[in-house]
Amino acid sequence: MITFKTVRWKNFLSTGNTFTEIKLNETANALIIGENGAGKSTILDALTFGLFGKAFRKINKPGLVNSVNEKGCIVEIELDTNGKVYKVVRGIKPNVFEI
């Protein structure tokens, strides 16, 4: 089983140059609610980009980089599986992929 611990990102879609971090393992269940444009889909896009290199929605890879800063797009995911902890780092401008 995979347990996601955190997802954090900066310069991803409409978010700026400071990290936004969501802790995913603090409760057994969570409900994410918010107004349109609040960033609910951004969480899903960050998770899928970090793991698979593309967004969940139909957004091309260059479109994931914040259009104001135009660089430094980073997504970090911490997870554990089979008793091992992993950190996946994926970025655009510069291209980064680390496990």
PDB file of N, CA and C in Angstrom:
ATOM      1  N   MET A   1       0.841  -1.179   0.000  1.00  0.00           N
ATOM      2  CA  MET A   1       0.000   0.000   0.000  1.00  0.00           C
ATOM      3  C   MET A   1       0.890   1.247   0.000  1.00  0.00           C
ATOM      4  N   ILE A   2       0.466   2.260  -0.708  1.00  0.00           N
ATOM      5  CA  ILE A   2       1.182   3.534  -0.756  1.00  0.00           C
ATOM      6  C   ILE A   2       0.483   4.514   0.169  1.00  0.00           C
ATOM      7  N   THR A   3       1.262   5.164   1.030  1.00  0.00           N
ATOM      8  CA  THR A   3       0.743   6.216   1.895  1.00  0.00           C
ATOM      9  C   THR A   3       1.397   7.524   1.488  1.00  0.00           C
ATOM     10  N   PHE A   4       0.609   8.449   0.976  1.00  0.00           N
ATOM     11  CA  PHE A   4       1.122   9.753   0.605  1.00  0.00           C
ATOM     12  C   PHE A   4       1.226  10.612   1.855  1.00  0.00           C
ATOM     13  N   LYS A   5       2.398  11.208   2.071  1.00  0.00           N
ATOM     14  CA  LYS A   5       2.612  12.039   3.250  1.00  0.00           C
ATOM     15  C   LYS A   5       2.374  13.517   2.945  1.00  0.00           C
ATOM     16  N   THR A   6       3.102  14.044   1.970  1.00  0.00           N
ATOM     17  CA  THR A   6       2.943  15.457   1.621  1.00  0.00           C
ATOM     18  C   THR A   6       3.083  15.646   0.110  1.00  0.00           C
ATOM     19  N   VAL A   7       2.482  16.702  -0.359  1.00  0.00           N
ATOM     20  CA  VAL A   7       2.733  17.194  -1.705  1.00  0.00           C
ATOM     21  C   VAL A   7       2.972  18.694  -1.552  1.00  0.00           C
ATOM     22  N   ARG A   8       4.007  19.185  -2.200  1.00  0.00           N
ATOM     23  CA  ARG A   8       4.299  20.621  -2.144  1.00  0.00           C
ATOM     24  C   ARG A   8       4.798  21.079  -3.504  1.00  0.00           C
ATOM     25  N   TRP A   9       4.531  22.346  -3.801  1.00  0.00           N
ATOM     26  CA  TRP A   9       4.889  22.869  -5.116  1.00  0.00           C
ATOM     27  C   TRP A   9       5.101  24.373  -5.051  1.00  0.00           C
ATOM     28  N   LYS A  10       5.816  24.875  -6.047  1.00  0.00           N
ATOM     29  CA  LYS A  10       5.948  26.318  -6.248  1.00  0.00           C
ATOM     30  C   LYS A  10       6.083  26.589  -7.735  1.00  0.00           C
ATOM     31  N   ASN A  11       5.662  27.766  -8.144  1.00  0.00           N
ATOM     32  CA  ASN A  11       5.661  28.173  -9.560  1.00  0.00           C
ATOM     33  C   ASN A  11       4.942  27.160 -10.442  1.00  0.00           C
ATOM     34  N   PHE A  12       3.926  26.533  -9.885  1.00  0.00           N
ATOM     35  CA  PHE A  12       3.131  25.523 -10.588  1.00  0.00           C
ATOM     36  C   PHE A  12       1.757  26.111 -10.854  1.00  0.00           C
ATOM     37  N   LEU A  13       1.356  26.148 -12.122  1.00  0.00           N
ATOM     38  CA  LEU A  13       0.099  26.751 -12.546  1.00  0.00           C
ATOM     39  C   LEU A  13       0.022  28.186 -12.029  1.00  0.00           C
ATOM     40  N   SER A  14      -0.988  28.543 -11.269  1.00  0.00           N
ATOM     41  CA  SER A  14      -1.139  29.955 -10.865  1.00  0.00           C
ATOM     42  C   SER A  14      -0.504  30.259  -9.514  1.00  0.00           C
ATOM     43  N   THR A  15       0.209  29.293  -8.913  1.00  0.00           N
ATOM     44  CA  THR A  15       0.825  29.556  -7.615  1.00  0.00           C
ATOM     45  C   THR A  15       2.181  30.208  -7.799  1.00  0.00           C
ATOM     46  N   GLY A  16       2.627  30.937  -6.802  1.00  0.00           N
ATOM     47  CA  GLY A  16       3.829  31.754  -6.908  1.00  0.00           C
ATOM     48  C   GLY A  16       5.109  31.053  -6.493  1.00  0.00           C
ATOM     49  N   ASN A  17       6.097  31.859  -6.125  1.00  0.00           N
ATOM     50  CA  ASN A  17       7.459  31.406  -5.887  1.00  0.00           C
ATOM     51  C   ASN A  17       7.701  30.944  -4.447  1.00  0.00           C
ATOM     52  N   THR A  18       6.663  30.725  -3.653  1.00  0.00           N
ATOM     53  CA  THR A  18       6.813  30.147  -2.322  1.00  0.00           C
ATOM     54  C   THR A  18       6.080  28.811  -2.313  1.00  0.00           C
ATOM     55  N   PHE A  19       6.603  27.864  -1.552  1.00  0.00           N
ATOM     56  CA  PHE A  19       6.017  26.524  -1.543  1.00  0.00           C
ATOM     57  C   PHE A  19       4.633  26.525  -0.907  1.00  0.00           C
ATOM     58  N   THR A  20       3.734  25.811  -1.533  1.00  0.00           N
ATOM     59  CA  THR A  20       2.431  25.461  -0.965  1.00  0.00           C
ATOM     60  C   THR A  20       2.536  23.994  -0.593  1.00  0.00           C
ATOM     61  N   GLU A  21       2.220  23.665   0.657  1.00  0.00           N
ATOM     62  CA  GLU A  21       2.364  22.282   1.121  1.00  0.00           C
ATOM     63  C   GLU A  21       1.047  21.773   1.677  1.00  0.00           C
ATOM     64  N   ILE A  22       0.678  20.577   1.262  1.00  0.00           N
ATOM     65  CA  ILE A  22      -0.522  19.907   1.749  1.00  0.00           C
ATOM     66  C   ILE A  22      -0.083  18.614   2.423  1.00  0.00           C
ATOM     67  N   LYS A  23      -0.438  18.453   3.683  1.00  0.00           N
ATOM     68  CA  LYS A  23      -0.140  17.209   4.410  1.00  0.00           C
ATOM     69  C   LYS A  23      -1.299  16.244   4.163  1.00  0.00           C
ATOM     70  N   LEU A  24      -0.972  15.100   3.613  1.00  0.00           N
ATOM     71  CA  LEU A  24      -1.995  14.149   3.189  1.00  0.00           C
ATOM     72  C   LEU A  24      -2.214  13.006   4.173  1.00  0.00           C
ATOM     73  N   ASN A  25      -1.402  12.930   5.218  1.00  0.00           N
ATOM     74  CA  ASN A  25      -1.498  11.783   6.122  1.00  0.00           C
ATOM     75  C   ASN A  25      -1.901  12.169   7.552  1.00  0.00           C
ATOM     76  N   GLU A  26      -2.425  13.366   7.739  1.00  0.00           N
ATOM     77  CA  GLU A  26      -2.797  13.779   9.091  1.00  0.00           C
ATOM     78  C   GLU A  26      -4.118  13.176   9.556  1.00  0.00           C
ATOM     79  N   THR A  27      -5.002  12.856   8.631  1.00  0.00           N
ATOM     80  CA  THR A  27      -6.280  12.236   8.974  1.00  0.00           C
ATOM     81  C   THR A  27      -6.532  11.063   8.034  1.00  0.00           C
ATOM     82  N   ALA A  28      -7.416  10.189   8.457  1.00  0.00           N
ATOM     83  CA  ALA A  28      -7.735   9.031   7.616  1.00  0.00           C
ATOM     84  C   ALA A  28      -8.527   9.438   6.379  1.00  0.00           C
ATOM     85  N   ASN A  29      -9.399  10.422   6.525  1.00  0.00           N
ATOM     86  CA  ASN A  29     -10.214  10.910   5.417  1.00  0.00           C
ATOM     87  C   ASN A  29     -10.174  12.429   5.397  1.00  0.00           C
ATOM     88  N   ALA A  30     -10.270  12.991   4.207  1.00  0.00           N
ATOM     89  CA  ALA A  30     -10.288  14.443   4.080  1.00  0.00           C
ATOM     90  C   ALA A  30     -11.245  14.837   2.963  1.00  0.00           C
ATOM     91  N   LEU A  31     -11.871  15.976   3.147  1.00  0.00           N
ATOM     92  CA  LEU A  31     -12.756  16.539   2.136  1.00  0.00           C
ATOM     93  C   LEU A  31     -12.166  17.878   1.733  1.00  0.00           C
ATOM     94  N   ILE A  32     -11.947  18.058   0.445  1.00  0.00           N
ATOM     95  CA  ILE A  32     -11.381  19.315  -0.052  1.00  0.00           C
ATOM     96  C   ILE A  32     -12.501  20.096  -0.706  1.00  0.00           C
ATOM     97  N   ILE A  33     -12.794  21.257  -0.128  1.00  0.00           N
ATOM     98  CA  ILE A  33     -13.850  22.110  -0.683  1.00  0.00           C
ATOM     99  C   ILE A  33     -13.299  23.505  -0.875  1.00  0.00           C
ATOM    100  N   GLY A  34     -13.928  24.265  -1.753  1.00  0.00           N
ATOM    101  CA  GLY A  34     -13.517  25.639  -1.983  1.00  0.00           C
ATOM    102  C   GLY A  34     -14.250  26.217  -3.172  1.00  0.00           C
ATOM    103  N   GLU A  35     -14.156  27.518  -3.295  1.00  0.00           N
ATOM    104  CA  GLU A  35     -14.756  28.226  -4.418  1.00  0.00           C
ATOM    105  C   GLU A  35     -14.046  27.849  -5.715  1.00  0.00           C
ATOM    106  N   ASN A  36     -14.672  28.155  -6.837  1.00  0.00           N
ATOM    107  CA  ASN A  36     -14.020  27.979  -8.130  1.00  0.00           C
ATOM    108  C   ASN A  36     -12.741  28.794  -8.148  1.00  0.00           C
ATOM    109  N   GLY A  37     -11.668  28.187  -8.617  1.00  0.00           N
ATOM    110  CA  GLY A  37     -10.390  28.877  -8.698  1.00  0.00           C
ATOM    111  C   GLY A  37      -9.589  28.863  -7.408  1.00  0.00           C
ATOM    112  N   ALA A  38     -10.039  28.136  -6.403  1.00  0.00           N
ATOM    113  CA  ALA A  38      -9.339  28.116  -5.110  1.00  0.00           C
ATOM    114  C   ALA A  38      -8.111  27.205  -5.115  1.00  0.00           C
ATOM    115  N   GLY A  39      -8.005  26.285  -6.088  1.00  0.00           N
ATOM    116  CA  GLY A  39      -6.836  25.417  -6.181  1.00  0.00           C
ATOM    117  C   GLY A  39      -7.085  23.955  -5.903  1.00  0.00           C
ATOM    118  N   LYS A  40      -8.326  23.538  -5.859  1.00  0.00           N
ATOM    119  CA  LYS A  40      -8.631  22.125  -5.598  1.00  0.00           C
ATOM    120  C   LYS A  40      -8.030  21.232  -6.687  1.00  0.00           C
ATOM    121  N   SER A  41      -8.224  21.573  -7.928  1.00  0.00           N
ATOM    122  CA  SER A  41      -7.689  20.775  -9.033  1.00  0.00           C
ATOM    123  C   SER A  41      -6.173  20.873  -9.120  1.00  0.00           C
ATOM    124  N   THR A  42      -5.600  21.952  -8.622  1.00  0.00           N
ATOM    125  CA  THR A  42      -4.153  22.111  -8.625  1.00  0.00           C
ATOM    126  C   THR A  42      -3.492  21.021  -7.796  1.00  0.00           C
ATOM    127  N   ILE A  43      -4.125  20.617  -6.694  1.00  0.00           N
ATOM    128  CA  ILE A  43      -3.581  19.538  -5.866  1.00  0.00           C
ATOM    129  C   ILE A  43      -3.491  18.246  -6.678  1.00  0.00           C
ATOM    130  N   LEU A  44      -4.549  17.912  -7.379  1.00  0.00           N
ATOM    131  CA  LEU A  44      -4.568  16.701  -8.204  1.00  0.00           C
ATOM    132  C   LEU A  44      -3.553  16.802  -9.349  1.00  0.00           C
ATOM    133  N   ASP A  45      -3.473  17.964  -9.985  1.00  0.00           N
ATOM    134  CA  ASP A  45      -2.499  18.158 -11.062  1.00  0.00           C
ATOM    135  C   ASP A  45      -1.071  18.039 -10.540  1.00  0.00           C
ATOM    136  N   ALA A  46      -0.797  18.577  -9.347  1.00  0.00           N
ATOM    137  CA  ALA A  46       0.544  18.482  -8.765  1.00  0.00           C
ATOM    138  C   ALA A  46       0.907  17.031  -8.461  1.00  0.00           C
ATOM    139  N   LEU A  47      -0.026  16.275  -7.895  1.00  0.00           N
ATOM    140  CA  LEU A  47       0.234  14.861  -7.613  1.00  0.00           C
ATOM    141  C   LEU A  47       0.531  14.075  -8.887  1.00  0.00           C
ATOM    142  N   THR A  48      -0.283  14.240  -9.900  1.00  0.00           N
ATOM    143  CA  THR A  48      -0.081  13.467 -11.127  1.00  0.00           C
ATOM    144  C   THR A  48       1.164  13.933 -11.878  1.00  0.00           C
ATOM    145  N   PHE A  49       1.460  15.235 -11.858  1.00  0.00           N
ATOM    146  CA  PHE A  49       2.690  15.706 -12.502  1.00  0.00           C
ATOM    147  C   PHE A  49       3.909  15.148 -11.773  1.00  0.00           C
ATOM    148  N   GLY A  50       3.899  15.210 -10.451  1.00  0.00           N
ATOM    149  CA  GLY A  50       5.027  14.694  -9.685  1.00  0.00           C
ATOM    150  C   GLY A  50       5.275  13.214  -9.934  1.00  0.00           C
ATOM    151  N   LEU A  51       4.221  12.446 -10.048  1.00  0.00           N
ATOM    152  CA  LEU A  51       4.355  10.998 -10.221  1.00  0.00           C
ATOM    153  C   LEU A  51       4.545  10.566 -11.672  1.00  0.00           C
ATOM    154  N   PHE A  52       3.849  11.219 -12.603  1.00  0.00           N
ATOM    155  CA  PHE A  52       3.812  10.739 -13.983  1.00  0.00           C
ATOM    156  C   PHE A  52       4.354  11.718 -15.027  1.00  0.00           C
ATOM    157  N   GLY A  53       4.675  12.948 -14.633  1.00  0.00           N
ATOM    158  CA  GLY A  53       5.247  13.902 -15.575  1.00  0.00           C
ATOM    159  C   GLY A  53       4.249  14.641 -16.438  1.00  0.00           C
ATOM    160  N   LYS A  54       2.962  14.535 -16.110  1.00  0.00           N
ATOM    161  CA  LYS A  54       1.954  15.292 -16.835  1.00  0.00           C
ATOM    162  C   LYS A  54       0.800  15.590 -15.886  1.00  0.00           C
ATOM    163  N   ALA A  55       0.042  16.620 -16.201  1.00  0.00           N
ATOM    164  CA  ALA A  55      -1.075  17.014 -15.348  1.00  0.00           C
ATOM    165  C   ALA A  55      -2.249  16.066 -15.517  1.00  0.00           C
ATOM    166  N   PHE A  56      -3.133  16.052 -14.556  1.00  0.00           N
ATOM    167  CA  PHE A  56      -4.356  15.252 -14.643  1.00  0.00           C
ATOM    168  C   PHE A  56      -5.284  15.823 -15.708  1.00  0.00           C
ATOM    169  N   ARG A  57      -5.415  17.168 -15.711  1.00  0.00           N
ATOM    170  CA  ARG A  57      -6.230  17.827 -16.737  1.00  0.00           C
ATOM    171  C   ARG A  57      -5.417  17.951 -18.020  1.00  0.00           C
ATOM    172  N   LYS A  58      -6.070  18.328 -19.091  1.00  0.00           N
ATOM    173  CA  LYS A  58      -5.394  18.471 -20.379  1.00  0.00           C
ATOM    174  C   LYS A  58      -4.669  19.807 -20.443  1.00  0.00           C
ATOM    175  N   ILE A  59      -3.514  19.857 -19.792  1.00  0.00           N
ATOM    176  CA  ILE A  59      -2.656  21.044 -19.793  1.00  0.00           C
ATOM    177  C   ILE A  59      -1.297  20.573 -20.297  1.00  0.00           C
ATOM    178  N   ASN A  60      -0.776  21.234 -21.342  1.00  0.00           N
ATOM    179  CA  ASN A  60       0.524  20.799 -21.845  1.00  0.00           C
ATOM    180  C   ASN A  60       1.614  21.161 -20.833  1.00  0.00           C
ATOM    181  N   LYS A  61       2.733  20.476 -20.934  1.00  0.00           N
ATOM    182  CA  LYS A  61       3.791  20.616 -19.935  1.00  0.00           C
ATOM    183  C   LYS A  61       4.282  22.060 -19.777  1.00  0.00           C
ATOM    184  N   PRO A  62       4.547  22.806 -20.859  1.00  0.00           N
ATOM    185  CA  PRO A  62       4.961  24.207 -20.663  1.00  0.00           C
ATOM    186  C   PRO A  62       3.881  25.063 -19.990  1.00  0.00           C
ATOM    187  N   GLY A  63       2.624  24.679 -20.114  1.00  0.00           N
ATOM    188  CA  GLY A  63       1.532  25.417 -19.492  1.00  0.00           C
ATOM    189  C   GLY A  63       1.449  25.235 -17.989  1.00  0.00           C
ATOM    190  N   LEU A  64       2.218  24.292 -17.436  1.00  0.00           N
ATOM    191  CA  LEU A  64       2.218  24.067 -15.996  1.00  0.00           C
ATOM    192  C   LEU A  64       3.077  25.082 -15.240  1.00  0.00           C
ATOM    193  N   VAL A  65       4.007  25.712 -15.946  1.00  0.00           N
ATOM    194  CA  VAL A  65       4.904  26.684 -15.314  1.00  0.00           C
ATOM    195  C   VAL A  65       4.161  27.998 -15.107  1.00  0.00           C
ATOM    196  N   ASN A  66       4.307  28.585 -13.919  1.00  0.00           N
ATOM    197  CA  ASN A  66       3.679  29.869 -13.603  1.00  0.00           C
ATOM    198  C   ASN A  66       4.022  30.883 -14.692  1.00  0.00           C
ATOM    199  N   SER A  67       3.022  31.524 -15.254  1.00  0.00           N
ATOM    200  CA  SER A  67       3.224  32.422 -16.400  1.00  0.00           C
ATOM    201  C   SER A  67       3.862  33.751 -16.014  1.00  0.00           C
ATOM    202  N   VAL A  68       3.897  34.090 -14.742  1.00  0.00           N
ATOM    203  CA  VAL A  68       4.549  35.332 -14.303  1.00  0.00           C
ATOM    204  C   VAL A  68       6.048  35.101 -14.123  1.00  0.00           C
ATOM    205  N   ASN A  69       6.421  34.055 -13.377  1.00  0.00           N
ATOM    206  CA  ASN A  69       7.832  33.783 -13.099  1.00  0.00           C
ATOM    207  C   ASN A  69       8.515  33.040 -14.245  1.00  0.00           C
ATOM    208  N   GLU A  70       7.765  32.228 -14.967  1.00  0.00           N
ATOM    209  CA  GLU A  70       8.231  31.491 -16.145  1.00  0.00           C
ATOM    210  C   GLU A  70       9.436  30.594 -15.895  1.00  0.00           C
ATOM    211  N   LYS A  71       9.673  30.191 -14.646  1.00  0.00           N
ATOM    212  CA  LYS A  71      10.771  29.276 -14.340  1.00  0.00           C
ATOM    213  C   LYS A  71      10.605  28.750 -12.918  1.00  0.00           C
ATOM    214  N   GLY A  72      11.405  27.758 -12.573  1.00  0.00           N
ATOM    215  CA  GLY A  72      11.449  27.262 -11.208  1.00  0.00           C
ATOM    216  C   GLY A  72      10.230  26.479 -10.765  1.00  0.00           C
ATOM    217  N   CYS A  73       9.527  25.828 -11.696  1.00  0.00           N
ATOM    218  CA  CYS A  73       8.361  25.006 -11.355  1.00  0.00           C
ATOM    219  C   CYS A  73       8.855  23.710 -10.717  1.00  0.00           C
ATOM    220  N   ILE A  74       8.489  23.484  -9.460  1.00  0.00           N
ATOM    221  CA  ILE A  74       8.928  22.300  -8.712  1.00  0.00           C
ATOM    222  C   ILE A  74       7.736  21.674  -8.000  1.00  0.00           C
ATOM    223  N   VAL A  75       7.645  20.351  -8.082  1.00  0.00           N
ATOM    224  CA  VAL A  75       6.657  19.582  -7.315  1.00  0.00           C
ATOM    225  C   VAL A  75       7.421  18.506  -6.547  1.00  0.00           C
ATOM    226  N   GLU A  76       7.151  18.407  -5.244  1.00  0.00           N
ATOM    227  CA  GLU A  76       7.779  17.393  -4.394  1.00  0.00           C
ATOM    228  C   GLU A  76       6.686  16.558  -3.738  1.00  0.00           C
ATOM    229  N   ILE A  77       6.847  15.244  -3.764  1.00  0.00           N
ATOM    230  CA  ILE A  77       5.883  14.329  -3.147  1.00  0.00           C
ATOM    231  C   ILE A  77       6.645  13.397  -2.220  1.00  0.00           C
ATOM    232  N   GLU A  78       6.190  13.297  -0.978  1.00  0.00           N
ATOM    233  CA  GLU A  78       6.753  12.334  -0.038  1.00  0.00           C
ATOM    234  C   GLU A  78       5.722  11.231   0.176  1.00  0.00           C
ATOM    235  N   LEU A  79       6.180   9.991   0.081  1.00  0.00           N
ATOM    236  CA  LEU A  79       5.288   8.850   0.256  1.00  0.00           C
ATOM    237  C   LEU A  79       6.060   7.704   0.867  1.00  0.00           C
ATOM    238  N   ASP A  80       5.336   6.748   1.417  1.00  0.00           N
ATOM    239  CA  ASP A  80       6.007   5.529   1.847  1.00  0.00           C
ATOM    240  C   ASP A  80       5.226   4.319   1.372  1.00  0.00           C
ATOM    241  N   THR A  81       5.982   3.279   1.077  1.00  0.00           N
ATOM    242  CA  THR A  81       5.414   2.020   0.637  1.00  0.00           C
ATOM    243  C   THR A  81       6.361   0.901   1.052  1.00  0.00           C
ATOM    244  N   ASN A  82       5.815  -0.184   1.506  1.00  0.00           N
ATOM    245  CA  ASN A  82       6.602  -1.339   1.939  1.00  0.00           C
ATOM    246  C   ASN A  82       7.668  -0.968   2.962  1.00  0.00           C
ATOM    247  N   GLY A  83       7.351  -0.027   3.842  1.00  0.00           N
ATOM    248  CA  GLY A  83       8.277   0.359   4.901  1.00  0.00           C
ATOM    249  C   GLY A  83       9.399   1.272   4.467  1.00  0.00           C
ATOM    250  N   LYS A  84       9.412   1.707   3.226  1.00  0.00           N
ATOM    251  CA  LYS A  84      10.445   2.618   2.733  1.00  0.00           C
ATOM    252  C   LYS A  84       9.818   3.964   2.425  1.00  0.00           C
ATOM    253  N   VAL A  85      10.549   5.033   2.744  1.00  0.00           N
ATOM    254  CA  VAL A  85      10.082   6.394   2.488  1.00  0.00           C
ATOM    255  C   VAL A  85      10.755   6.905   1.215  1.00  0.00           C
ATOM    256  N   TYR A  86       9.965   7.505   0.342  1.00  0.00           N
ATOM    257  CA  TYR A  86      10.467   8.044  -0.920  1.00  0.00           C
ATOM    258  C   TYR A  86      10.095   9.514  -1.027  1.00  0.00           C
ATOM    259  N   LYS A  87      10.958  10.266  -1.695  1.00  0.00           N
ATOM    260  CA  LYS A  87      10.658  11.653  -2.040  1.00  0.00           C
ATOM    261  C   LYS A  87      10.885  11.786  -3.538  1.00  0.00           C
ATOM    262  N   VAL A  88       9.839  12.182  -4.249  1.00  0.00           N
ATOM    263  CA  VAL A  88       9.910  12.381  -5.695  1.00  0.00           C
ATOM    264  C   VAL A  88       9.919  13.881  -5.941  1.00  0.00           C
ATOM    265  N   VAL A  89      10.908  14.345  -6.698  1.00  0.00           N
ATOM    266  CA  VAL A  89      11.016  15.766  -7.053  1.00  0.00           C
ATOM    267  C   VAL A  89      10.998  15.852  -8.569  1.00  0.00           C
ATOM    268  N   ARG A  90      10.067  16.649  -9.099  1.00  0.00           N
ATOM    269  CA  ARG A  90       9.981  16.837 -10.541  1.00  0.00           C
ATOM    270  C   ARG A  90       9.813  18.315 -10.815  1.00  0.00           C
ATOM    271  N   GLY A  91      10.520  18.821 -11.824  1.00  0.00           N
ATOM    272  CA  GLY A  91      10.459  20.241 -12.121  1.00  0.00           C
ATOM    273  C   GLY A  91      10.590  20.552 -13.595  1.00  0.00           C
ATOM    274  N   ILE A  92      10.213  21.780 -13.919  1.00  0.00           N
ATOM    275  CA  ILE A  92      10.319  22.313 -15.277  1.00  0.00           C
ATOM    276  C   ILE A  92      11.022  23.662 -15.175  1.00  0.00           C
ATOM    277  N   LYS A  93      11.940  23.907 -16.095  1.00  0.00           N
ATOM    278  CA  LYS A  93      12.701  25.158 -16.168  1.00  0.00           C
ATOM    279  C   LYS A  93      13.429  25.460 -14.865  1.00  0.00           C
ATOM    280  N   PRO A  94      14.393  24.686 -14.478  1.00  0.00           N
ATOM    281  CA  PRO A  94      15.053  23.618 -15.214  1.00  0.00           C
ATOM    282  C   PRO A  94      14.324  22.287 -15.030  1.00  0.00           C
ATOM    283  N   ASN A  95      14.554  21.376 -15.985  1.00  0.00           N
ATOM    284  CA  ASN A  95      13.974  20.041 -15.887  1.00  0.00           C
ATOM    285  C   ASN A  95      14.656  19.268 -14.771  1.00  0.00           C
ATOM    286  N   VAL A  96      13.867  18.704 -13.892  1.00  0.00           N
ATOM    287  CA  VAL A  96      14.366  17.957 -12.741  1.00  0.00           C
ATOM    288  C   VAL A  96      13.539  16.694 -12.593  1.00  0.00           C
ATOM    289  N   PHE A  97      14.200  15.584 -12.294  1.00  0.00           N
ATOM    290  CA  PHE A  97      13.483  14.380 -11.879  1.00  0.00           C
ATOM    291  C   PHE A  97      14.392  13.608 -10.938  1.00  0.00           C
ATOM    292  N   GLU A  98      13.991  13.513  -9.676  1.00  0.00           N
ATOM    293  CA  GLU A  98      14.792  12.814  -8.663  1.00  0.00           C
ATOM    294  C   GLU A  98      13.863  11.939  -7.836  1.00  0.00           C
ATOM    295  N   ILE A  99      14.377  10.791  -7.423  1.00  0.00           N
ATOM    296  CA  ILE A  99      13.655   9.933  -6.478  1.00  0.00           C
ATOM    297  C   ILE A  99      14.588   9.668  -5.318  1.00  0.00           C
TER     298      ILE A  99
END
